[in-house]
N, C-alpha and C. Protein backbone atom coordinates (compact mmCIF):
# COMPACT_ATOMS: atom_id res chain seq x y z
N MET A 1 86.03 105.32 154.54
CA MET A 1 86.21 104.81 153.21
C MET A 1 87.70 104.54 152.96
N GLN A 2 88.00 103.36 152.47
CA GLN A 2 89.40 103.00 152.20
C GLN A 2 89.78 103.44 150.79
N THR A 3 90.95 104.03 150.69
CA THR A 3 91.46 104.44 149.39
C THR A 3 91.89 103.20 148.62
N PRO A 4 91.54 103.10 147.35
CA PRO A 4 91.92 101.91 146.57
C PRO A 4 93.42 101.86 146.35
N PRO A 5 93.94 100.66 146.15
CA PRO A 5 95.38 100.54 145.89
C PRO A 5 95.74 101.13 144.53
N TYR A 6 96.88 101.83 144.48
CA TYR A 6 97.37 102.39 143.22
C TYR A 6 98.23 101.38 142.49
N ARG A 7 98.85 100.52 143.22
CA ARG A 7 99.64 99.43 142.66
C ARG A 7 99.38 98.23 143.55
N PRO A 8 99.47 97.03 143.02
CA PRO A 8 99.26 95.84 143.87
C PRO A 8 100.18 95.88 145.08
N GLY A 9 99.61 95.73 146.25
CA GLY A 9 100.41 95.70 147.48
C GLY A 9 100.68 97.06 148.09
N LEU A 10 100.35 98.15 147.39
CA LEU A 10 100.60 99.49 147.91
C LEU A 10 99.26 100.20 148.07
N VAL A 11 98.97 100.59 149.27
CA VAL A 11 97.73 101.33 149.54
C VAL A 11 98.12 102.69 150.10
N ALA A 12 97.62 103.74 149.49
CA ALA A 12 97.87 105.09 149.96
C ALA A 12 96.62 105.59 150.66
N ARG A 13 96.78 106.09 151.86
CA ARG A 13 95.64 106.61 152.63
C ARG A 13 95.86 108.10 152.88
N ASP A 14 94.78 108.85 152.79
CA ASP A 14 94.79 110.27 153.10
C ASP A 14 95.70 111.10 152.21
N ILE A 15 96.04 110.58 151.06
CA ILE A 15 96.78 111.36 150.07
C ILE A 15 96.16 111.10 148.71
N GLN A 16 96.23 112.08 147.88
CA GLN A 16 95.66 111.95 146.55
C GLN A 16 96.71 112.29 145.50
N PRO A 17 96.90 111.41 144.54
CA PRO A 17 97.80 111.74 143.45
C PRO A 17 97.20 112.87 142.62
N PRO A 18 97.96 113.63 141.90
CA PRO A 18 99.42 113.49 141.80
C PRO A 18 100.11 114.09 143.02
N LEU A 19 101.20 113.49 143.38
CA LEU A 19 101.98 113.95 144.52
C LEU A 19 103.22 114.67 144.03
N ARG A 20 103.66 115.61 144.85
CA ARG A 20 104.90 116.32 144.58
C ARG A 20 105.94 115.88 145.60
N LEU A 21 107.18 116.02 145.25
CA LEU A 21 108.26 115.68 146.18
C LEU A 21 108.10 116.45 147.49
N ALA A 22 107.66 117.69 147.40
CA ALA A 22 107.50 118.53 148.58
C ALA A 22 106.38 118.05 149.50
N ASP A 23 105.56 117.09 149.05
CA ASP A 23 104.49 116.55 149.89
C ASP A 23 105.02 115.57 150.94
N PHE A 24 106.29 115.24 150.87
CA PHE A 24 106.89 114.27 151.78
C PHE A 24 107.89 114.96 152.70
N GLY A 25 108.10 114.38 153.88
CA GLY A 25 109.03 114.97 154.84
C GLY A 25 110.33 114.22 154.98
N LEU A 26 110.37 112.97 154.54
CA LEU A 26 111.55 112.12 154.74
C LEU A 26 111.66 111.13 153.60
N ILE A 27 112.89 110.89 153.19
CA ILE A 27 113.18 109.81 152.25
C ILE A 27 114.30 108.98 152.87
N ALA A 28 114.19 107.66 152.75
CA ALA A 28 115.19 106.76 153.33
C ALA A 28 115.84 105.94 152.22
N PHE A 29 117.13 105.75 152.34
CA PHE A 29 117.90 104.99 151.37
C PHE A 29 118.73 103.92 152.07
N ASP A 30 118.93 102.81 151.38
CA ASP A 30 119.98 101.87 151.72
C ASP A 30 121.24 102.42 151.08
N MET A 31 122.38 101.85 151.37
CA MET A 31 123.62 102.36 150.81
C MET A 31 124.17 101.45 149.72
N ASP A 32 124.58 100.24 150.11
CA ASP A 32 125.27 99.34 149.18
C ASP A 32 124.36 98.97 148.02
N SER A 33 124.87 99.15 146.81
CA SER A 33 124.16 98.83 145.57
C SER A 33 122.85 99.61 145.44
N THR A 34 122.72 100.71 146.17
CA THR A 34 121.56 101.59 146.05
C THR A 34 122.07 103.00 145.81
N LEU A 35 122.57 103.66 146.83
CA LEU A 35 123.20 104.97 146.61
C LEU A 35 124.58 104.81 145.99
N ILE A 36 125.25 103.71 146.32
CA ILE A 36 126.59 103.47 145.78
C ILE A 36 126.61 102.21 144.93
N ASN A 37 127.66 102.08 144.14
CA ASN A 37 127.74 101.02 143.13
C ASN A 37 128.28 99.68 143.64
N ILE A 38 128.70 99.59 144.88
CA ILE A 38 129.35 98.37 145.36
C ILE A 38 128.68 97.83 146.61
N GLU A 39 129.03 96.58 146.93
CA GLU A 39 128.74 95.98 148.24
C GLU A 39 130.06 96.08 149.00
N CYS A 40 130.09 96.93 150.00
CA CYS A 40 131.36 97.25 150.68
C CYS A 40 132.06 96.04 151.26
N VAL A 41 131.31 95.13 151.89
CA VAL A 41 131.95 93.96 152.51
C VAL A 41 132.67 93.13 151.45
N ASP A 42 132.09 92.99 150.27
CA ASP A 42 132.72 92.23 149.19
C ASP A 42 133.99 92.92 148.70
N GLU A 43 133.93 94.23 148.58
CA GLU A 43 135.09 94.97 148.07
C GLU A 43 136.23 95.01 149.08
N ILE A 44 135.90 95.10 150.36
CA ILE A 44 136.95 95.03 151.39
C ILE A 44 137.62 93.66 151.31
N ALA A 45 136.81 92.62 151.21
CA ALA A 45 137.35 91.26 151.12
C ALA A 45 138.21 91.09 149.86
N ALA A 46 137.76 91.65 148.75
CA ALA A 46 138.52 91.55 147.49
C ALA A 46 139.87 92.23 147.62
N ALA A 47 139.91 93.32 148.35
CA ALA A 47 141.16 94.08 148.51
C ALA A 47 142.24 93.26 149.21
N VAL A 48 141.82 92.24 149.96
CA VAL A 48 142.79 91.42 150.69
C VAL A 48 142.72 89.95 150.28
N GLY A 49 142.14 89.68 149.11
CA GLY A 49 142.12 88.32 148.58
C GLY A 49 141.17 87.36 149.27
N ARG A 50 140.11 87.85 149.91
CA ARG A 50 139.18 86.96 150.61
C ARG A 50 137.75 87.05 150.05
N LYS A 51 137.62 87.58 148.86
CA LYS A 51 136.28 87.79 148.30
C LYS A 51 135.52 86.48 148.13
N GLU A 52 136.20 85.43 147.67
CA GLU A 52 135.52 84.15 147.45
C GLU A 52 134.97 83.59 148.76
N GLU A 53 135.73 83.70 149.84
CA GLU A 53 135.27 83.20 151.14
C GLU A 53 134.05 83.98 151.63
N VAL A 54 134.10 85.29 151.50
CA VAL A 54 132.98 86.14 151.92
C VAL A 54 131.77 85.87 151.03
N ALA A 55 132.00 85.75 149.73
CA ALA A 55 130.90 85.48 148.79
C ALA A 55 130.24 84.13 149.08
N ALA A 56 131.02 83.15 149.49
CA ALA A 56 130.45 81.83 149.82
C ALA A 56 129.48 81.93 150.99
N ILE A 57 129.81 82.74 151.98
CA ILE A 57 128.91 82.94 153.12
C ILE A 57 127.65 83.67 152.67
N THR A 58 127.82 84.69 151.84
CA THR A 58 126.66 85.42 151.32
C THR A 58 125.75 84.48 150.55
N GLU A 59 126.32 83.65 149.69
CA GLU A 59 125.52 82.72 148.89
C GLU A 59 124.83 81.69 149.77
N ALA A 60 125.50 81.20 150.80
CA ALA A 60 124.88 80.24 151.73
C ALA A 60 123.68 80.88 152.43
N ALA A 61 123.82 82.14 152.79
CA ALA A 61 122.70 82.85 153.43
C ALA A 61 121.54 83.00 152.45
N MET A 62 121.84 83.30 151.20
CA MET A 62 120.79 83.47 150.20
C MET A 62 120.08 82.14 149.90
N ARG A 63 120.80 81.04 150.03
CA ARG A 63 120.18 79.72 149.82
C ARG A 63 119.41 79.25 151.05
N GLY A 64 119.49 80.00 152.13
CA GLY A 64 118.78 79.64 153.35
C GLY A 64 119.56 78.73 154.27
N GLU A 65 120.82 78.47 153.95
CA GLU A 65 121.65 77.61 154.79
C GLU A 65 122.10 78.34 156.06
N ILE A 66 122.13 79.65 156.00
CA ILE A 66 122.38 80.49 157.18
C ILE A 66 121.16 81.40 157.27
N ALA A 67 120.24 81.05 158.14
CA ALA A 67 118.96 81.77 158.20
C ALA A 67 119.07 83.12 158.92
N ASP A 68 120.05 83.25 159.77
CA ASP A 68 120.19 84.45 160.58
C ASP A 68 121.13 85.45 159.90
N TYR A 69 120.59 86.58 159.45
CA TYR A 69 121.39 87.60 158.79
C TYR A 69 122.54 88.05 159.69
N LYS A 70 122.24 88.23 160.97
CA LYS A 70 123.28 88.71 161.89
C LYS A 70 124.46 87.74 161.96
N GLU A 71 124.15 86.45 162.02
CA GLU A 71 125.22 85.44 162.05
C GLU A 71 126.03 85.48 160.75
N SER A 72 125.34 85.62 159.64
CA SER A 72 126.01 85.71 158.34
C SER A 72 126.96 86.91 158.31
N LEU A 73 126.50 88.06 158.78
CA LEU A 73 127.36 89.24 158.77
C LEU A 73 128.54 89.07 159.72
N ARG A 74 128.31 88.51 160.89
CA ARG A 74 129.42 88.29 161.83
C ARG A 74 130.49 87.40 161.20
N ARG A 75 130.07 86.35 160.51
CA ARG A 75 131.03 85.45 159.85
C ARG A 75 131.84 86.18 158.79
N ARG A 76 131.16 87.00 158.00
CA ARG A 76 131.86 87.73 156.94
C ARG A 76 132.83 88.75 157.53
N VAL A 77 132.40 89.47 158.56
CA VAL A 77 133.26 90.47 159.19
C VAL A 77 134.47 89.81 159.83
N LYS A 78 134.28 88.64 160.41
CA LYS A 78 135.40 87.91 161.03
C LYS A 78 136.52 87.65 160.01
N LEU A 79 136.13 87.38 158.76
CA LEU A 79 137.12 87.13 157.71
C LEU A 79 137.91 88.39 157.33
N LEU A 80 137.43 89.54 157.76
CA LEU A 80 138.10 90.80 157.43
C LEU A 80 139.14 91.21 158.48
N ALA A 81 139.32 90.40 159.51
CA ALA A 81 140.30 90.71 160.56
C ALA A 81 141.67 90.94 159.92
N GLY A 82 142.33 92.01 160.33
CA GLY A 82 143.66 92.32 159.82
C GLY A 82 143.68 93.25 158.62
N VAL A 83 142.53 93.52 158.02
CA VAL A 83 142.49 94.45 156.89
C VAL A 83 142.87 95.84 157.42
N SER A 84 143.74 96.52 156.71
CA SER A 84 144.20 97.83 157.16
C SER A 84 143.18 98.92 156.80
N VAL A 85 143.20 99.96 157.60
CA VAL A 85 142.37 101.13 157.30
C VAL A 85 142.78 101.71 155.95
N ARG A 86 144.04 101.60 155.62
CA ARG A 86 144.51 102.09 154.31
C ARG A 86 143.83 101.33 153.17
N SER A 87 143.68 100.01 153.32
CA SER A 87 142.96 99.22 152.30
C SER A 87 141.51 99.67 152.20
N MET A 88 140.91 99.99 153.34
CA MET A 88 139.53 100.48 153.34
C MET A 88 139.45 101.83 152.64
N ASP A 89 140.42 102.69 152.91
CA ASP A 89 140.47 103.98 152.21
C ASP A 89 140.58 103.78 150.71
N ASP A 90 141.38 102.79 150.30
CA ASP A 90 141.52 102.49 148.87
C ASP A 90 140.20 102.04 148.27
N VAL A 91 139.44 101.22 148.99
CA VAL A 91 138.12 100.81 148.51
C VAL A 91 137.26 102.05 148.30
N TYR A 92 137.28 102.96 149.26
CA TYR A 92 136.45 104.17 149.16
C TYR A 92 136.89 105.04 147.98
N THR A 93 138.18 105.27 147.85
CA THR A 93 138.64 106.22 146.83
C THR A 93 138.72 105.61 145.43
N GLN A 94 138.98 104.30 145.33
CA GLN A 94 139.22 103.70 144.03
C GLN A 94 138.05 102.88 143.48
N ARG A 95 137.19 102.35 144.34
CA ARG A 95 136.14 101.45 143.87
C ARG A 95 134.73 102.00 144.06
N LEU A 96 134.52 102.76 145.10
CA LEU A 96 133.19 103.24 145.43
C LEU A 96 132.84 104.46 144.59
N GLN A 97 131.68 104.39 143.95
CA GLN A 97 131.14 105.53 143.21
C GLN A 97 129.68 105.68 143.58
N LEU A 98 129.20 106.90 143.52
CA LEU A 98 127.76 107.10 143.66
C LEU A 98 127.08 106.53 142.43
N ASN A 99 125.93 105.91 142.62
CA ASN A 99 125.17 105.44 141.47
C ASN A 99 124.62 106.64 140.71
N PRO A 100 124.42 106.48 139.40
CA PRO A 100 123.89 107.59 138.60
C PRO A 100 122.58 108.13 139.18
N GLY A 101 122.53 109.43 139.34
CA GLY A 101 121.32 110.09 139.84
C GLY A 101 121.22 110.20 141.34
N ALA A 102 122.10 109.52 142.09
CA ALA A 102 122.01 109.54 143.56
C ALA A 102 122.19 110.95 144.11
N ARG A 103 123.24 111.63 143.68
CA ARG A 103 123.50 112.99 144.16
C ARG A 103 122.34 113.92 143.81
N GLU A 104 121.84 113.80 142.58
CA GLU A 104 120.77 114.67 142.12
C GLU A 104 119.47 114.42 142.89
N LEU A 105 119.17 113.15 143.17
CA LEU A 105 117.96 112.82 143.91
C LEU A 105 118.03 113.36 145.34
N VAL A 106 119.15 113.14 146.01
CA VAL A 106 119.31 113.64 147.37
C VAL A 106 119.22 115.17 147.37
N SER A 107 119.87 115.82 146.42
CA SER A 107 119.82 117.28 146.33
C SER A 107 118.41 117.79 146.09
N ALA A 108 117.66 117.12 145.21
CA ALA A 108 116.28 117.52 144.92
C ALA A 108 115.41 117.38 146.16
N CYS A 109 115.60 116.31 146.90
CA CYS A 109 114.82 116.10 148.13
C CYS A 109 115.12 117.18 149.15
N LYS A 110 116.39 117.47 149.34
CA LYS A 110 116.79 118.48 150.32
C LYS A 110 116.31 119.87 149.88
N ALA A 111 116.29 120.13 148.58
CA ALA A 111 115.88 121.43 148.07
C ALA A 111 114.41 121.75 148.38
N VAL A 112 113.58 120.71 148.52
CA VAL A 112 112.16 120.94 148.85
C VAL A 112 111.89 120.75 150.34
N GLY A 113 112.95 120.63 151.14
CA GLY A 113 112.80 120.58 152.59
C GLY A 113 112.71 119.20 153.19
N MET A 114 112.88 118.16 152.39
CA MET A 114 112.84 116.81 152.93
C MET A 114 114.10 116.53 153.73
N LYS A 115 113.97 115.66 154.72
CA LYS A 115 115.12 115.13 155.43
C LYS A 115 115.49 113.80 154.77
N VAL A 116 116.77 113.44 154.88
CA VAL A 116 117.28 112.24 154.23
C VAL A 116 117.88 111.32 155.28
N LEU A 117 117.48 110.05 155.22
CA LEU A 117 117.96 109.01 156.13
C LEU A 117 118.71 107.96 155.32
N LEU A 118 119.93 107.66 155.73
CA LEU A 118 120.70 106.56 155.16
C LEU A 118 120.75 105.47 156.21
N VAL A 119 120.14 104.34 155.91
CA VAL A 119 120.07 103.24 156.88
C VAL A 119 120.61 102.00 156.17
N SER A 120 121.69 101.43 156.72
CA SER A 120 122.44 100.45 155.96
C SER A 120 122.93 99.29 156.83
N GLY A 121 122.94 98.12 156.24
CA GLY A 121 123.59 96.98 156.85
C GLY A 121 125.08 96.99 156.58
N GLY A 122 125.54 98.06 155.91
CA GLY A 122 126.96 98.25 155.64
C GLY A 122 127.65 98.89 156.84
N PHE A 123 128.68 99.63 156.57
CA PHE A 123 129.57 100.07 157.64
C PHE A 123 129.71 101.59 157.70
N THR A 124 129.80 102.10 158.93
CA THR A 124 129.92 103.54 159.14
C THR A 124 131.18 104.11 158.49
N PHE A 125 132.21 103.29 158.32
CA PHE A 125 133.43 103.75 157.65
C PHE A 125 133.07 104.38 156.31
N PHE A 126 132.09 103.80 155.63
CA PHE A 126 131.65 104.30 154.33
C PHE A 126 130.42 105.20 154.46
N SER A 127 129.45 104.80 155.27
CA SER A 127 128.20 105.58 155.35
C SER A 127 128.44 106.99 155.89
N ASP A 128 129.37 107.15 156.81
CA ASP A 128 129.66 108.49 157.33
C ASP A 128 130.25 109.38 156.23
N ARG A 129 131.06 108.81 155.38
CA ARG A 129 131.64 109.58 154.27
C ARG A 129 130.57 109.94 153.24
N ILE A 130 129.67 108.99 152.97
CA ILE A 130 128.57 109.27 152.04
C ILE A 130 127.65 110.32 152.65
N ARG A 131 127.38 110.22 153.94
CA ARG A 131 126.58 111.24 154.64
C ARG A 131 127.17 112.63 154.43
N ASP A 132 128.47 112.75 154.68
CA ASP A 132 129.12 114.05 154.56
C ASP A 132 129.15 114.52 153.10
N ARG A 133 129.39 113.62 152.20
CA ARG A 133 129.48 113.94 150.77
C ARG A 133 128.15 114.45 150.22
N LEU A 134 127.04 113.86 150.67
CA LEU A 134 125.73 114.19 150.12
C LEU A 134 124.89 115.09 151.04
N GLY A 135 125.38 115.39 152.23
CA GLY A 135 124.62 116.22 153.15
C GLY A 135 123.41 115.51 153.73
N ILE A 136 123.57 114.22 154.00
CA ILE A 136 122.48 113.40 154.55
C ILE A 136 122.28 113.75 156.02
N ASP A 137 121.01 113.76 156.44
CA ASP A 137 120.66 114.22 157.79
C ASP A 137 120.82 113.17 158.88
N PHE A 138 120.46 111.93 158.59
CA PHE A 138 120.46 110.86 159.60
C PHE A 138 121.09 109.61 159.00
N THR A 139 121.85 108.87 159.81
CA THR A 139 122.41 107.60 159.35
C THR A 139 122.35 106.55 160.45
N ARG A 140 122.32 105.32 160.02
CA ARG A 140 122.47 104.17 160.93
C ARG A 140 123.15 103.08 160.11
N ALA A 141 124.26 102.57 160.64
CA ALA A 141 125.00 101.49 159.99
C ALA A 141 125.83 100.78 161.05
N ASN A 142 126.49 99.73 160.65
CA ASN A 142 127.32 98.92 161.54
C ASN A 142 128.71 99.55 161.70
N VAL A 143 129.25 99.41 162.90
CA VAL A 143 130.57 99.98 163.21
C VAL A 143 131.59 98.84 163.26
N LEU A 144 132.58 98.91 162.39
CA LEU A 144 133.65 97.92 162.38
C LEU A 144 134.65 98.22 163.49
N GLY A 145 135.07 97.17 164.19
CA GLY A 145 136.11 97.34 165.19
C GLY A 145 137.44 97.59 164.51
N ILE A 146 138.16 98.60 164.98
CA ILE A 146 139.48 98.95 164.43
C ILE A 146 140.44 99.15 165.60
N ARG A 147 141.58 98.47 165.52
CA ARG A 147 142.62 98.63 166.53
C ARG A 147 143.96 98.69 165.82
N ASP A 148 144.76 99.67 166.18
CA ASP A 148 146.10 99.83 165.60
C ASP A 148 146.06 99.86 164.08
N GLY A 149 145.03 100.53 163.53
CA GLY A 149 144.95 100.72 162.09
C GLY A 149 144.48 99.51 161.31
N GLN A 150 143.96 98.49 162.01
CA GLN A 150 143.49 97.28 161.34
C GLN A 150 142.13 96.85 161.88
N LEU A 151 141.34 96.21 161.01
CA LEU A 151 140.06 95.67 161.45
C LEU A 151 140.28 94.53 162.43
N THR A 152 139.44 94.48 163.45
CA THR A 152 139.54 93.43 164.47
C THR A 152 138.78 92.16 164.07
N GLY A 153 137.92 92.27 163.07
CA GLY A 153 137.08 91.12 162.70
C GLY A 153 135.80 91.07 163.52
N ARG A 154 135.52 92.15 164.22
CA ARG A 154 134.30 92.22 165.05
C ARG A 154 133.59 93.54 164.78
N LEU A 155 132.30 93.54 165.10
CA LEU A 155 131.51 94.76 165.06
C LEU A 155 131.44 95.35 166.46
N VAL A 156 131.37 96.66 166.56
CA VAL A 156 131.30 97.35 167.84
C VAL A 156 129.84 97.51 168.23
N ASP A 157 129.50 97.04 169.43
CA ASP A 157 128.13 97.20 169.93
C ASP A 157 127.78 98.68 170.05
N GLN A 158 126.51 98.98 169.75
CA GLN A 158 125.99 100.34 169.83
C GLN A 158 124.83 100.38 170.82
N PRO A 159 124.42 101.55 171.27
CA PRO A 159 123.29 101.63 172.19
C PRO A 159 122.00 101.02 171.62
N TRP A 160 121.86 101.02 170.30
CA TRP A 160 120.67 100.49 169.65
C TRP A 160 120.77 98.99 169.38
N GLY A 161 121.92 98.40 169.54
CA GLY A 161 122.09 96.98 169.27
C GLY A 161 123.43 96.70 168.62
N ASP A 162 123.59 95.48 168.16
CA ASP A 162 124.90 95.11 167.61
C ASP A 162 124.96 95.16 166.10
N ILE A 163 123.85 94.92 165.41
CA ILE A 163 123.87 94.86 163.94
C ILE A 163 122.65 95.57 163.38
N CYS A 164 122.89 96.38 162.36
CA CYS A 164 121.80 97.06 161.66
C CYS A 164 121.27 96.11 160.59
N ASP A 165 120.22 95.38 160.94
CA ASP A 165 119.56 94.46 160.01
C ASP A 165 118.22 95.08 159.60
N GLY A 166 117.39 94.31 158.94
CA GLY A 166 116.10 94.81 158.49
C GLY A 166 115.25 95.36 159.61
N GLU A 167 115.23 94.68 160.74
CA GLU A 167 114.44 95.14 161.88
C GLU A 167 114.99 96.46 162.44
N GLU A 168 116.29 96.58 162.52
CA GLU A 168 116.88 97.83 163.01
C GLU A 168 116.63 98.97 162.02
N LYS A 169 116.65 98.66 160.73
CA LYS A 169 116.33 99.68 159.73
C LYS A 169 114.90 100.18 159.95
N ARG A 170 113.98 99.26 160.18
CA ARG A 170 112.58 99.63 160.43
C ARG A 170 112.47 100.51 161.67
N LYS A 171 113.14 100.11 162.74
CA LYS A 171 113.10 100.89 163.99
C LYS A 171 113.66 102.30 163.77
N MET A 172 114.77 102.39 163.05
CA MET A 172 115.38 103.70 162.80
C MET A 172 114.46 104.57 161.96
N LEU A 173 113.83 103.99 160.96
CA LEU A 173 112.89 104.75 160.13
C LEU A 173 111.74 105.29 160.98
N LEU A 174 111.15 104.43 161.80
CA LEU A 174 110.04 104.85 162.65
C LEU A 174 110.47 105.91 163.67
N ALA A 175 111.66 105.73 164.26
CA ALA A 175 112.16 106.70 165.23
C ALA A 175 112.43 108.05 164.57
N THR A 176 112.95 108.03 163.36
CA THR A 176 113.22 109.28 162.65
C THR A 176 111.91 109.97 162.29
N CYS A 177 110.93 109.20 161.84
CA CYS A 177 109.60 109.78 161.56
C CYS A 177 109.02 110.42 162.81
N ALA A 178 109.13 109.73 163.94
CA ALA A 178 108.61 110.27 165.20
C ALA A 178 109.34 111.56 165.58
N GLN A 179 110.66 111.54 165.44
CA GLN A 179 111.47 112.71 165.77
C GLN A 179 111.06 113.91 164.92
N LEU A 180 110.70 113.65 163.67
CA LEU A 180 110.32 114.73 162.74
C LEU A 180 108.83 115.06 162.79
N GLY A 181 108.09 114.29 163.59
CA GLY A 181 106.64 114.52 163.67
C GLY A 181 105.90 114.07 162.42
N LEU A 182 106.41 113.07 161.76
CA LEU A 182 105.77 112.56 160.53
C LEU A 182 104.91 111.34 160.81
C-alpha cells in the first residue's frame, strides 16, 4: 500500500506524522543564502570591484545563455584571480552573518543526535569556518586555488571531482546517508 502524499510532490513512505526531529538521522544544508546571508562569490567580487562582471555571468546562466553550471562557476572564479586572502578574510568577518535561526536549528538537530551535512557550491574558505563555528559533521564545497596569499582564479581538483554542483551535492548526500546507515 502506498502512503498518500502529504504535500503535492512529496510522498512519505514508512513514516507516519507527526514526526519529531529525533526521528531523523541527518539534515543537509546549502550554505550561501541559506545558512548564511550572502553569496560568497558575489561578495568576494564586490570586495575587489568586480561584482558587476560576476553578476553578469550569473544572470546569463539564469537566462539559460550559459547552460553549464560548472562553466559558469569557472568563469566567475577566473574573475577573482589576484584577490588577496586578506580581502576574503574581510568578507568573512565584515559581511558574512549566519541567517536568523541557523545556529539554533543546527544546535537543535545535534542535541537530538542528528548529524549535519553542509554541501555547497560555494567555497571551503567559508564552509570550513562555518563548519567549525556551528559544529557541522560533514562538508563538501569547492576549493579555491591560492598561491602567495592570492586567489589563482582556478578551482583545485578534488578526489570527488572539480566542482560541487547539484549532482555532486546529491552524491555527497547519498554517500553520507550510506556512511551513517540511513
